[in-house]
């Protein structure tokens, strides 16, 4: 079940009408980049063990290079 709270006219994003949305997207991108950098830094120094059943999947980070 979906409920439409409000409807707005389609438009190109601009700072006047969409500042909060653009700000939120920029903050999320910055947080994602910081998390990505932290995970990549920790990969080499963190013990990782994957069950054989999970080695066939593709992962966002190169876990399999560090698996013992």
PDB file of N, CA and C in Angstrom:
ATOM      1  N   UNK A   1       0.851  -1.170   0.000  1.00  0.00           N
ATOM      2  CA  UNK A   1       0.000   0.000   0.000  1.00  0.00           C
ATOM      3  C   UNK A   1       0.899   1.236   0.000  1.00  0.00           C
ATOM      4  N   UNK A   2       0.620   2.141  -0.903  1.00  0.00           N
ATOM      5  CA  UNK A   2       1.356   3.390  -1.003  1.00  0.00           C
ATOM      6  C   UNK A   2       0.429   4.562  -0.720  1.00  0.00           C
ATOM      7  N   UNK A   3       0.980   5.578  -0.095  1.00  0.00           N
ATOM      8  CA  UNK A   3       0.222   6.778   0.211  1.00  0.00           C
ATOM      9  C   UNK A   3       0.996   7.972  -0.320  1.00  0.00           C
ATOM     10  N   UNK A   4       0.404   8.744  -1.217  1.00  0.00           N
ATOM     11  CA  UNK A   4       1.037   9.926  -1.787  1.00  0.00           C
ATOM     12  C   UNK A   4       0.713  11.121  -0.893  1.00  0.00           C
ATOM     13  N   UNK A   5       1.721  11.618  -0.182  1.00  0.00           N
ATOM     14  CA  UNK A   5       1.505  12.743   0.729  1.00  0.00           C
ATOM     15  C   UNK A   5       1.366  14.058  -0.026  1.00  0.00           C
ATOM     16  N   UNK A   6       2.222  14.236  -1.023  1.00  0.00           N
ATOM     17  CA  UNK A   6       2.155  15.481  -1.788  1.00  0.00           C
ATOM     18  C   UNK A   6       2.742  15.236  -3.180  1.00  0.00           C
ATOM     19  N   UNK A   7       2.420  16.133  -4.073  1.00  0.00           N
ATOM     20  CA  UNK A   7       2.905  16.022  -5.440  1.00  0.00           C
ATOM     21  C   UNK A   7       3.504  17.368  -5.831  1.00  0.00           C
ATOM     22  N   UNK A   8       4.646  17.325  -6.510  1.00  0.00           N
ATOM     23  CA  UNK A   8       5.264  18.560  -6.977  1.00  0.00           C
ATOM     24  C   UNK A   8       5.491  18.455  -8.480  1.00  0.00           C
ATOM     25  N   UNK A   9       5.594  19.586  -9.097  1.00  0.00           N
ATOM     26  CA  UNK A   9       5.820  19.608 -10.542  1.00  0.00           C
ATOM     27  C   UNK A   9       7.264  19.202 -10.840  1.00  0.00           C
ATOM     28  N   UNK A  10       7.478  18.421 -11.894  1.00  0.00           N
ATOM     29  CA  UNK A  10       8.841  18.046 -12.273  1.00  0.00           C
ATOM     30  C   UNK A  10       9.639  19.292 -12.680  1.00  0.00           C
ATOM     31  N   UNK A  11      10.895  19.323 -12.271  1.00  0.00           N
ATOM     32  CA  UNK A  11      11.768  20.439 -12.619  1.00  0.00           C
ATOM     33  C   UNK A  11      13.223  20.005 -12.491  1.00  0.00           C
ATOM     34  N   UNK A  12      14.106  20.785 -13.092  1.00  0.00           N
ATOM     35  CA  UNK A  12      15.538  20.537 -12.905  1.00  0.00           C
ATOM     36  C   UNK A  12      15.919  20.988 -11.500  1.00  0.00           C
ATOM     37  N   UNK A  13      16.798  20.204 -10.891  1.00  0.00           N
ATOM     38  CA  UNK A  13      17.245  20.564  -9.544  1.00  0.00           C
ATOM     39  C   UNK A  13      17.971  21.913  -9.588  1.00  0.00           C
ATOM     40  N   UNK A  14      17.684  22.750  -8.612  1.00  0.00           N
ATOM     41  CA  UNK A  14      18.374  24.022  -8.487  1.00  0.00           C
ATOM     42  C   UNK A  14      18.519  24.340  -7.000  1.00  0.00           C
ATOM     43  N   UNK A  15      19.443  25.222  -6.693  1.00  0.00           N
ATOM     44  CA  UNK A  15      19.720  25.537  -5.290  1.00  0.00           C
ATOM     45  C   UNK A  15      18.552  26.224  -4.594  1.00  0.00           C
ATOM     46  N   UNK A  16      17.773  26.976  -5.336  1.00  0.00           N
ATOM     47  CA  UNK A  16      16.658  27.695  -4.719  1.00  0.00           C
ATOM     48  C   UNK A  16      15.592  26.729  -4.196  1.00  0.00           C
ATOM     49  N   UNK A  17      15.214  25.754  -5.017  1.00  0.00           N
ATOM     50  CA  UNK A  17      14.121  24.858  -4.655  1.00  0.00           C
ATOM     51  C   UNK A  17      14.585  23.570  -3.978  1.00  0.00           C
ATOM     52  N   UNK A  18      15.805  23.163  -4.225  1.00  0.00           N
ATOM     53  CA  UNK A  18      16.251  21.837  -3.794  1.00  0.00           C
ATOM     54  C   UNK A  18      17.498  21.860  -2.924  1.00  0.00           C
ATOM     55  N   UNK A  19      17.741  22.951  -2.231  1.00  0.00           N
ATOM     56  CA  UNK A  19      18.961  23.081  -1.443  1.00  0.00           C
ATOM     57  C   UNK A  19      19.110  21.953  -0.422  1.00  0.00           C
ATOM     58  N   UNK A  20      18.062  21.655   0.322  1.00  0.00           N
ATOM     59  CA  UNK A  20      18.144  20.632   1.376  1.00  0.00           C
ATOM     60  C   UNK A  20      18.454  19.260   0.782  1.00  0.00           C
ATOM     61  N   UNK A  21      17.817  18.930  -0.329  1.00  0.00           N
ATOM     62  CA  UNK A  21      18.066  17.651  -0.987  1.00  0.00           C
ATOM     63  C   UNK A  21      19.516  17.548  -1.459  1.00  0.00           C
ATOM     64  N   UNK A  22      20.015  18.601  -2.080  1.00  0.00           N
ATOM     65  CA  UNK A  22      21.399  18.614  -2.568  1.00  0.00           C
ATOM     66  C   UNK A  22      22.374  18.530  -1.398  1.00  0.00           C
ATOM     67  N   UNK A  23      22.075  19.247  -0.330  1.00  0.00           N
ATOM     68  CA  UNK A  23      22.932  19.200   0.860  1.00  0.00           C
ATOM     69  C   UNK A  23      22.959  17.795   1.456  1.00  0.00           C
ATOM     70  N   UNK A  24      21.803  17.154   1.547  1.00  0.00           N
ATOM     71  CA  UNK A  24      21.729  15.792   2.091  1.00  0.00           C
ATOM     72  C   UNK A  24      22.500  14.801   1.216  1.00  0.00           C
ATOM     73  N   UNK A  25      22.379  14.939  -0.095  1.00  0.00           N
ATOM     74  CA  UNK A  25      23.108  14.049  -1.006  1.00  0.00           C
ATOM     75  C   UNK A  25      24.621  14.244  -0.896  1.00  0.00           C
ATOM     76  N   UNK A  26      25.047  15.486  -0.762  1.00  0.00           N
ATOM     77  CA  UNK A  26      26.477  15.773  -0.621  1.00  0.00           C
ATOM     78  C   UNK A  26      27.016  15.198   0.692  1.00  0.00           C
ATOM     79  N   UNK A  27      26.254  15.335   1.769  1.00  0.00           N
ATOM     80  CA  UNK A  27      26.664  14.785   3.057  1.00  0.00           C
ATOM     81  C   UNK A  27      26.745  13.266   2.989  1.00  0.00           C
ATOM     82  N   UNK A  28      25.760  12.629   2.366  1.00  0.00           N
ATOM     83  CA  UNK A  28      25.772  11.175   2.238  1.00  0.00           C
ATOM     84  C   UNK A  28      26.975  10.704   1.431  1.00  0.00           C
ATOM     85  N   UNK A  29      27.316  11.417   0.365  1.00  0.00           N
ATOM     86  CA  UNK A  29      28.478  11.074  -0.458  1.00  0.00           C
ATOM     87  C   UNK A  29      29.766  11.189   0.364  1.00  0.00           C
ATOM     88  N   UNK A  30      29.877  12.239   1.152  1.00  0.00           N
ATOM     89  CA  UNK A  30      31.055  12.450   1.992  1.00  0.00           C
ATOM     90  C   UNK A  30      31.179  11.335   3.032  1.00  0.00           C
ATOM     91  N   UNK A  31      30.055  10.936   3.639  1.00  0.00           N
ATOM     92  CA  UNK A  31      30.067   9.856   4.614  1.00  0.00           C
ATOM     93  C   UNK A  31      30.423   8.519   3.955  1.00  0.00           C
ATOM     94  N   UNK A  32      29.889   8.271   2.768  1.00  0.00           N
ATOM     95  CA  UNK A  32      30.205   7.038   2.044  1.00  0.00           C
ATOM     96  C   UNK A  32      31.694   6.968   1.706  1.00  0.00           C
ATOM     97  N   UNK A  33      32.255   8.093   1.273  1.00  0.00           N
ATOM     98  CA  UNK A  33      33.684   8.124   0.941  1.00  0.00           C
ATOM     99  C   UNK A  33      34.544   7.874   2.177  1.00  0.00           C
ATOM    100  N   UNK A  34      34.167   8.458   3.311  1.00  0.00           N
ATOM    101  CA  UNK A  34      34.925   8.265   4.549  1.00  0.00           C
ATOM    102  C   UNK A  34      34.838   6.810   5.012  1.00  0.00           C
ATOM    103  N   UNK A  35      33.662   6.219   4.924  1.00  0.00           N
ATOM    104  CA  UNK A  35      33.493   4.812   5.306  1.00  0.00           C
ATOM    105  C   UNK A  35      34.287   3.908   4.389  1.00  0.00           C
ATOM    106  N   UNK A  36      34.248   4.176   3.098  1.00  0.00           N
ATOM    107  CA  UNK A  36      34.996   3.394   2.115  1.00  0.00           C
ATOM    108  C   UNK A  36      36.497   3.454   2.399  1.00  0.00           C
ATOM    109  N   UNK A  37      37.008   4.639   2.665  1.00  0.00           N
ATOM    110  CA  UNK A  37      38.435   4.793   2.966  1.00  0.00           C
ATOM    111  C   UNK A  37      38.813   4.038   4.238  1.00  0.00           C
ATOM    112  N   UNK A  38      37.966   4.098   5.252  1.00  0.00           N
ATOM    113  CA  UNK A  38      38.233   3.412   6.519  1.00  0.00           C
ATOM    114  C   UNK A  38      38.261   1.897   6.324  1.00  0.00           C
ATOM    115  N   UNK A  39      37.290   1.366   5.592  1.00  0.00           N
ATOM    116  CA  UNK A  39      37.236  -0.078   5.364  1.00  0.00           C
ATOM    117  C   UNK A  39      38.467  -0.532   4.592  1.00  0.00           C
ATOM    118  N   UNK A  40      38.822   0.181   3.551  1.00  0.00           N
ATOM    119  CA  UNK A  40      40.002  -0.203   2.744  1.00  0.00           C
ATOM    120  C   UNK A  40      41.284  -0.148   3.579  1.00  0.00           C
ATOM    121  N   UNK A  41      41.373   0.814   4.487  1.00  0.00           N
ATOM    122  CA  UNK A  41      42.549   0.918   5.358  1.00  0.00           C
ATOM    123  C   UNK A  41      42.613  -0.274   6.318  1.00  0.00           C
ATOM    124  N   UNK A  42      41.461  -0.691   6.832  1.00  0.00           N
ATOM    125  CA  UNK A  42      41.409  -1.766   7.811  1.00  0.00           C
ATOM    126  C   UNK A  42      41.516  -3.162   7.202  1.00  0.00           C
ATOM    127  N   UNK A  43      41.308  -3.301   5.901  1.00  0.00           N
ATOM    128  CA  UNK A  43      41.324  -4.614   5.259  1.00  0.00           C
ATOM    129  C   UNK A  43      42.623  -5.382   5.519  1.00  0.00           C
ATOM    130  N   UNK A  44      43.729  -4.709   5.394  1.00  0.00           N
ATOM    131  CA  UNK A  44      45.023  -5.387   5.508  1.00  0.00           C
ATOM    132  C   UNK A  44      45.361  -5.795   6.937  1.00  0.00           C
ATOM    133  N   UNK A  45      44.743  -5.170   7.922  1.00  0.00           N
ATOM    134  CA  UNK A  45      45.113  -5.452   9.306  1.00  0.00           C
ATOM    135  C   UNK A  45      44.020  -6.174  10.087  1.00  0.00           C
ATOM    136  N   UNK A  46      42.959  -6.565   9.420  1.00  0.00           N
ATOM    137  CA  UNK A  46      41.828  -7.208  10.087  1.00  0.00           C
ATOM    138  C   UNK A  46      41.729  -8.664   9.649  1.00  0.00           C
ATOM    139  N   UNK A  47      41.555  -9.561  10.611  1.00  0.00           N
ATOM    140  CA  UNK A  47      41.385 -10.976  10.297  1.00  0.00           C
ATOM    141  C   UNK A  47      40.006 -11.193   9.692  1.00  0.00           C
ATOM    142  N   UNK A  48      39.989 -11.848   8.551  1.00  0.00           N
ATOM    143  CA  UNK A  48      38.728 -12.109   7.860  1.00  0.00           C
ATOM    144  C   UNK A  48      38.655 -13.595   7.549  1.00  0.00           C
ATOM    145  N   UNK A  49      37.535 -14.197   7.894  1.00  0.00           N
ATOM    146  CA  UNK A  49      37.311 -15.606   7.586  1.00  0.00           C
ATOM    147  C   UNK A  49      35.957 -15.730   6.911  1.00  0.00           C
ATOM    148  N   UNK A  50      35.959 -16.287   5.705  1.00  0.00           N
ATOM    149  CA  UNK A  50      34.717 -16.506   4.989  1.00  0.00           C
ATOM    150  C   UNK A  50      34.499 -17.999   4.830  1.00  0.00           C
ATOM    151  N   UNK A  51      33.295 -18.418   5.065  1.00  0.00           N
ATOM    152  CA  UNK A  51      32.934 -19.807   4.825  1.00  0.00           C
ATOM    153  C   UNK A  51      33.029 -20.061   3.323  1.00  0.00           C
ATOM    154  N   UNK A  52      33.373 -21.278   2.943  1.00  0.00           N
ATOM    155  CA  UNK A  52      33.555 -21.622   1.538  1.00  0.00           C
ATOM    156  C   UNK A  52      32.314 -21.314   0.702  1.00  0.00           C
ATOM    157  N   UNK A  53      31.145 -21.443   1.294  1.00  0.00           N
ATOM    158  CA  UNK A  53      29.906 -21.162   0.559  1.00  0.00           C
ATOM    159  C   UNK A  53      29.795 -19.705   0.121  1.00  0.00           C
ATOM    160  N   UNK A  54      30.463 -18.800   0.801  1.00  0.00           N
ATOM    161  CA  UNK A  54      30.349 -17.376   0.510  1.00  0.00           C
ATOM    162  C   UNK A  54      31.480 -16.844  -0.363  1.00  0.00           C
ATOM    163  N   UNK A  55      32.448 -17.659  -0.705  1.00  0.00           N
ATOM    164  CA  UNK A  55      33.574 -17.206  -1.519  1.00  0.00           C
ATOM    165  C   UNK A  55      33.206 -17.020  -2.984  1.00  0.00           C
ATOM    166  N   UNK A  56      32.072 -17.557  -3.398  1.00  0.00           N
ATOM    167  CA  UNK A  56      31.675 -17.448  -4.803  1.00  0.00           C
ATOM    168  C   UNK A  56      30.997 -16.118  -5.136  1.00  0.00           C
ATOM    169  N   UNK A  57      30.646 -15.339  -4.138  1.00  0.00           N
ATOM    170  CA  UNK A  57      29.934 -14.081  -4.362  1.00  0.00           C
ATOM    171  C   UNK A  57      30.896 -12.935  -4.635  1.00  0.00           C
ATOM    172  N   UNK A  58      30.388 -11.903  -5.326  1.00  0.00           N
ATOM    173  CA  UNK A  58      31.173 -10.692  -5.552  1.00  0.00           C
ATOM    174  C   UNK A  58      30.932  -9.752  -4.377  1.00  0.00           C
ATOM    175  N   UNK A  59      31.981  -9.151  -3.890  1.00  0.00           N
ATOM    176  CA  UNK A  59      31.886  -8.229  -2.766  1.00  0.00           C
ATOM    177  C   UNK A  59      32.340  -6.842  -3.193  1.00  0.00           C
ATOM    178  N   UNK A  60      31.848  -5.841  -2.509  1.00  0.00           N
ATOM    179  CA  UNK A  60      32.216  -4.457  -2.814  1.00  0.00           C
ATOM    180  C   UNK A  60      33.706  -4.216  -2.544  1.00  0.00           C
ATOM    181  N   UNK A  61      34.208  -4.864  -1.518  1.00  0.00           N
ATOM    182  CA  UNK A  61      35.619  -4.712  -1.143  1.00  0.00           C
ATOM    183  C   UNK A  61      36.340  -6.018  -1.430  1.00  0.00           C
ATOM    184  N   UNK A  62      37.642  -5.956  -1.657  1.00  0.00           N
ATOM    185  CA  UNK A  62      38.387  -7.171  -2.006  1.00  0.00           C
ATOM    186  C   UNK A  62      38.671  -8.075  -0.800  1.00  0.00           C
ATOM    187  N   UNK A  63      37.625  -8.569  -0.149  1.00  0.00           N
ATOM    188  CA  UNK A  63      37.785  -9.414   1.030  1.00  0.00           C
ATOM    189  C   UNK A  63      38.622 -10.645   0.732  1.00  0.00           C
ATOM    190  N   UNK A  64      38.414 -11.252  -0.410  1.00  0.00           N
ATOM    191  CA  UNK A  64      39.036 -12.540  -0.715  1.00  0.00           C
ATOM    192  C   UNK A  64      40.556 -12.450  -0.820  1.00  0.00           C
ATOM    193  N   UNK A  65      41.090 -11.277  -1.062  1.00  0.00           N
ATOM    194  CA  UNK A  65      42.547 -11.114  -1.114  1.00  0.00           C
ATOM    195  C   UNK A  65      43.179 -11.272   0.265  1.00  0.00           C
ATOM    196  N   UNK A  66      42.385 -11.085   1.305  1.00  0.00           N
ATOM    197  CA  UNK A  66      42.903 -11.110   2.671  1.00  0.00           C
ATOM    198  C   UNK A  66      42.414 -12.294   3.487  1.00  0.00           C
ATOM    199  N   UNK A  67      41.633 -13.168   2.869  1.00  0.00           N
ATOM    200  CA  UNK A  67      41.061 -14.314   3.589  1.00  0.00           C
ATOM    201  C   UNK A  67      42.131 -15.355   3.844  1.00  0.00           C
ATOM    202  N   UNK A  68      42.139 -15.878   5.061  1.00  0.00           N
ATOM    203  CA  UNK A  68      43.078 -16.939   5.415  1.00  0.00           C
ATOM    204  C   UNK A  68      42.430 -18.274   5.209  1.00  0.00           C
TER     205      UNK A  68
END
